[in-house]
Amino acid sequence: MIERYERGPALLKAALAKVPRDALQWRPGPKRWSVHEIIVHCADSETNGHGRLRFLLAEQKPVIQGYDQDRWSETLDYH
C-alpha cells in the first residue's frame, strides 16, 4: 500500500501531461474549481492532514483546526 501511495504523484503527473493546459484551467461553473485548483487543494489538504495526525498522536487533548478551503484557494492563488 505504501508503494502504491508513493507512486501516486508520478502517475498523476503522467496522466495530466496528456491533458491540454486549457482543459486543466477550465472551470465547470461559477465558484467551481478547475482540475488544477483541485490538485493544489489536494496537496494543501495532505499537508494539513499530516499536521493534524501529528497533533492527534502527540497531544493529550488535541484540537483539530479546520481551514477555509475557498479562502486558501483565493489567498494562495491556486489558479
N, C-alpha and C. Protein backbone atom coordinates (compact mmCIF):
# COMPACT_ATOMS: atom_id res chain seq x y z
N MET A 1 0.82 -1.18 0.00
CA MET A 1 0.00 0.00 0.00
C MET A 1 0.88 1.26 0.00
N ILE A 2 1.94 1.25 0.76
CA ILE A 2 2.83 2.41 0.81
C ILE A 2 3.47 2.64 -0.56
N GLU A 3 3.82 1.56 -1.24
CA GLU A 3 4.42 1.71 -2.58
C GLU A 3 3.41 2.32 -3.55
N ARG A 4 2.17 1.91 -3.47
CA ARG A 4 1.14 2.49 -4.34
C ARG A 4 0.97 3.97 -4.05
N TYR A 5 0.96 4.31 -2.78
CA TYR A 5 0.83 5.71 -2.37
C TYR A 5 2.02 6.52 -2.88
N GLU A 6 3.19 5.94 -2.80
CA GLU A 6 4.41 6.61 -3.26
C GLU A 6 4.38 6.87 -4.76
N ARG A 7 3.79 5.97 -5.53
CA ARG A 7 3.73 6.13 -7.00
C ARG A 7 2.69 7.14 -7.44
N GLY A 8 1.79 7.52 -6.56
CA GLY A 8 0.68 8.40 -6.91
C GLY A 8 1.07 9.68 -7.63
N PRO A 9 2.00 10.47 -7.09
CA PRO A 9 2.36 11.72 -7.77
C PRO A 9 2.87 11.51 -9.20
N ALA A 10 3.68 10.49 -9.42
CA ALA A 10 4.20 10.24 -10.77
C ALA A 10 3.08 9.83 -11.72
N LEU A 11 2.16 9.02 -11.23
CA LEU A 11 1.02 8.61 -12.05
C LEU A 11 0.13 9.80 -12.40
N LEU A 12 -0.11 10.66 -11.42
CA LEU A 12 -0.92 11.85 -11.67
C LEU A 12 -0.23 12.77 -12.67
N LYS A 13 1.06 12.97 -12.50
CA LYS A 13 1.82 13.83 -13.42
C LYS A 13 1.77 13.29 -14.84
N ALA A 14 1.93 11.99 -15.00
CA ALA A 14 1.88 11.37 -16.33
C ALA A 14 0.50 11.52 -16.96
N ALA A 15 -0.53 11.33 -16.17
CA ALA A 15 -1.90 11.46 -16.69
C ALA A 15 -2.19 12.90 -17.09
N LEU A 16 -1.77 13.84 -16.27
CA LEU A 16 -2.05 15.25 -16.55
C LEU A 16 -1.23 15.77 -17.73
N ALA A 17 -0.10 15.16 -18.01
CA ALA A 17 0.71 15.57 -19.15
C ALA A 17 -0.03 15.38 -20.47
N LYS A 18 -1.03 14.52 -20.47
CA LYS A 18 -1.82 14.23 -21.68
C LYS A 18 -2.99 15.19 -21.85
N VAL A 19 -3.25 16.01 -20.85
CA VAL A 19 -4.41 16.91 -20.87
C VAL A 19 -3.96 18.30 -21.31
N PRO A 20 -4.67 18.90 -22.27
CA PRO A 20 -4.30 20.26 -22.70
C PRO A 20 -4.37 21.25 -21.53
N ARG A 21 -3.45 22.20 -21.51
CA ARG A 21 -3.38 23.18 -20.42
C ARG A 21 -4.71 23.91 -20.22
N ASP A 22 -5.36 24.27 -21.32
CA ASP A 22 -6.64 24.97 -21.21
C ASP A 22 -7.67 24.13 -20.46
N ALA A 23 -7.63 22.82 -20.68
CA ALA A 23 -8.58 21.93 -20.01
C ALA A 23 -8.31 21.87 -18.51
N LEU A 24 -7.05 21.96 -18.12
CA LEU A 24 -6.70 21.93 -16.70
C LEU A 24 -7.17 23.18 -15.97
N GLN A 25 -7.25 24.29 -16.70
CA GLN A 25 -7.65 25.57 -16.10
C GLN A 25 -9.15 25.83 -16.21
N TRP A 26 -9.86 25.02 -16.98
CA TRP A 26 -11.29 25.23 -17.22
C TRP A 26 -12.09 24.98 -15.95
N ARG A 27 -13.02 25.88 -15.68
CA ARG A 27 -13.93 25.74 -14.54
C ARG A 27 -15.32 25.38 -15.06
N PRO A 28 -15.96 24.38 -14.47
CA PRO A 28 -17.27 23.94 -14.95
C PRO A 28 -18.41 24.89 -14.60
N GLY A 29 -18.15 25.90 -13.82
CA GLY A 29 -19.20 26.87 -13.48
C GLY A 29 -18.67 27.89 -12.49
N PRO A 30 -19.50 28.90 -12.21
CA PRO A 30 -19.09 29.90 -11.23
C PRO A 30 -18.84 29.26 -9.86
N LYS A 31 -17.80 29.72 -9.21
CA LYS A 31 -17.43 29.21 -7.88
C LYS A 31 -17.14 27.72 -7.88
N ARG A 32 -16.81 27.18 -9.05
CA ARG A 32 -16.40 25.77 -9.16
C ARG A 32 -14.92 25.76 -9.46
N TRP A 33 -14.23 24.73 -9.03
CA TRP A 33 -12.78 24.66 -9.19
C TRP A 33 -12.39 23.93 -10.46
N SER A 34 -11.27 24.35 -11.01
CA SER A 34 -10.68 23.67 -12.17
C SER A 34 -9.93 22.43 -11.68
N VAL A 35 -9.51 21.59 -12.62
CA VAL A 35 -8.70 20.42 -12.27
C VAL A 35 -7.42 20.88 -11.56
N HIS A 36 -6.80 21.91 -12.08
CA HIS A 36 -5.58 22.45 -11.47
C HIS A 36 -5.82 22.86 -10.02
N GLU A 37 -6.90 23.58 -9.77
CA GLU A 37 -7.21 24.03 -8.42
C GLU A 37 -7.48 22.86 -7.48
N ILE A 38 -8.14 21.84 -7.98
CA ILE A 38 -8.42 20.65 -7.17
C ILE A 38 -7.13 19.96 -6.78
N ILE A 39 -6.19 19.88 -7.71
CA ILE A 39 -4.91 19.23 -7.41
C ILE A 39 -4.14 20.01 -6.35
N VAL A 40 -4.11 21.34 -6.48
CA VAL A 40 -3.42 22.15 -5.47
C VAL A 40 -4.12 22.02 -4.12
N HIS A 41 -5.45 21.99 -4.14
CA HIS A 41 -6.21 21.80 -2.91
C HIS A 41 -5.86 20.45 -2.26
N CYS A 42 -5.75 19.40 -3.05
CA CYS A 42 -5.39 18.08 -2.51
C CYS A 42 -4.01 18.12 -1.84
N ALA A 43 -3.08 18.84 -2.45
CA ALA A 43 -1.75 18.97 -1.85
C ALA A 43 -1.83 19.71 -0.51
N ASP A 44 -2.61 20.78 -0.46
CA ASP A 44 -2.78 21.51 0.80
C ASP A 44 -3.48 20.65 1.84
N SER A 45 -4.48 19.89 1.42
CA SER A 45 -5.20 19.01 2.35
C SER A 45 -4.27 17.96 2.92
N GLU A 46 -3.40 17.43 2.09
CA GLU A 46 -2.42 16.44 2.54
C GLU A 46 -1.49 17.04 3.59
N THR A 47 -1.04 18.26 3.33
CA THR A 47 -0.16 18.94 4.27
C THR A 47 -0.87 19.19 5.60
N ASN A 48 -2.11 19.66 5.53
CA ASN A 48 -2.89 19.89 6.75
C ASN A 48 -3.17 18.59 7.48
N GLY A 49 -3.48 17.54 6.74
CA GLY A 49 -3.75 16.24 7.35
C GLY A 49 -2.53 15.71 8.10
N HIS A 50 -1.37 15.92 7.54
CA HIS A 50 -0.13 15.49 8.19
C HIS A 50 0.02 16.17 9.55
N GLY A 51 -0.18 17.47 9.57
CA GLY A 51 -0.08 18.21 10.82
C GLY A 51 -1.12 17.76 11.84
N ARG A 52 -2.32 17.52 11.37
CA ARG A 52 -3.39 17.07 12.26
C ARG A 52 -3.05 15.72 12.89
N LEU A 53 -2.53 14.81 12.09
CA LEU A 53 -2.15 13.50 12.63
C LEU A 53 -1.07 13.62 13.70
N ARG A 54 -0.13 14.49 13.49
CA ARG A 54 0.93 14.68 14.48
C ARG A 54 0.36 15.20 15.80
N PHE A 55 -0.59 16.14 15.72
CA PHE A 55 -1.23 16.63 16.94
C PHE A 55 -2.03 15.52 17.61
N LEU A 56 -2.73 14.71 16.82
CA LEU A 56 -3.50 13.60 17.40
C LEU A 56 -2.61 12.63 18.15
N LEU A 57 -1.45 12.38 17.60
CA LEU A 57 -0.52 11.43 18.22
C LEU A 57 0.22 12.01 19.43
N ALA A 58 0.50 13.30 19.40
CA ALA A 58 1.38 13.88 20.41
C ALA A 58 0.66 14.57 21.57
N GLU A 59 -0.54 15.03 21.35
CA GLU A 59 -1.24 15.81 22.38
C GLU A 59 -2.23 14.95 23.16
N GLN A 60 -2.42 15.30 24.42
CA GLN A 60 -3.40 14.57 25.23
C GLN A 60 -4.83 14.96 24.86
N LYS A 61 -5.04 16.22 24.59
CA LYS A 61 -6.36 16.71 24.19
C LYS A 61 -6.21 17.52 22.90
N PRO A 62 -5.98 16.83 21.80
CA PRO A 62 -5.72 17.55 20.55
C PRO A 62 -6.96 18.29 20.05
N VAL A 63 -6.72 19.44 19.47
CA VAL A 63 -7.77 20.22 18.84
C VAL A 63 -7.49 20.21 17.34
N ILE A 64 -8.43 19.71 16.60
CA ILE A 64 -8.28 19.66 15.14
C ILE A 64 -8.76 20.99 14.57
N GLN A 65 -7.84 21.72 14.00
CA GLN A 65 -8.17 23.03 13.45
C GLN A 65 -8.52 22.89 11.98
N GLY A 66 -9.65 23.44 11.61
CA GLY A 66 -10.07 23.43 10.22
C GLY A 66 -9.46 24.60 9.47
N TYR A 67 -9.79 24.68 8.21
CA TYR A 67 -9.35 25.82 7.41
C TYR A 67 -10.38 26.08 6.32
N ASP A 68 -10.44 27.29 5.86
CA ASP A 68 -11.40 27.70 4.84
C ASP A 68 -10.77 27.43 3.47
N GLN A 69 -11.14 26.32 2.85
CA GLN A 69 -10.51 25.92 1.60
C GLN A 69 -10.72 26.95 0.49
N ASP A 70 -11.86 27.60 0.46
CA ASP A 70 -12.09 28.61 -0.57
C ASP A 70 -11.19 29.83 -0.36
N ARG A 71 -11.01 30.20 0.89
CA ARG A 71 -10.13 31.34 1.18
C ARG A 71 -8.68 31.01 0.81
N TRP A 72 -8.27 29.78 1.14
CA TRP A 72 -6.91 29.36 0.76
C TRP A 72 -6.75 29.45 -0.76
N SER A 73 -7.76 28.98 -1.48
CA SER A 73 -7.70 29.00 -2.94
C SER A 73 -7.51 30.42 -3.47
N GLU A 74 -8.24 31.35 -2.88
CA GLU A 74 -8.14 32.75 -3.33
C GLU A 74 -6.84 33.40 -2.85
N THR A 75 -6.53 33.25 -1.57
CA THR A 75 -5.37 33.91 -0.99
C THR A 75 -4.06 33.37 -1.55
N LEU A 76 -4.00 32.05 -1.74
CA LEU A 76 -2.78 31.42 -2.22
C LEU A 76 -2.76 31.28 -3.74
N ASP A 77 -3.77 31.86 -4.40
CA ASP A 77 -3.83 31.91 -5.87
C ASP A 77 -3.63 30.54 -6.50
N TYR A 78 -4.52 29.62 -6.18
CA TYR A 78 -4.44 28.26 -6.74
C TYR A 78 -4.38 28.26 -8.26
N HIS A 79 -5.01 29.22 -8.88
CA HIS A 79 -5.05 29.23 -10.33
C HIS A 79 -3.78 29.85 -10.81
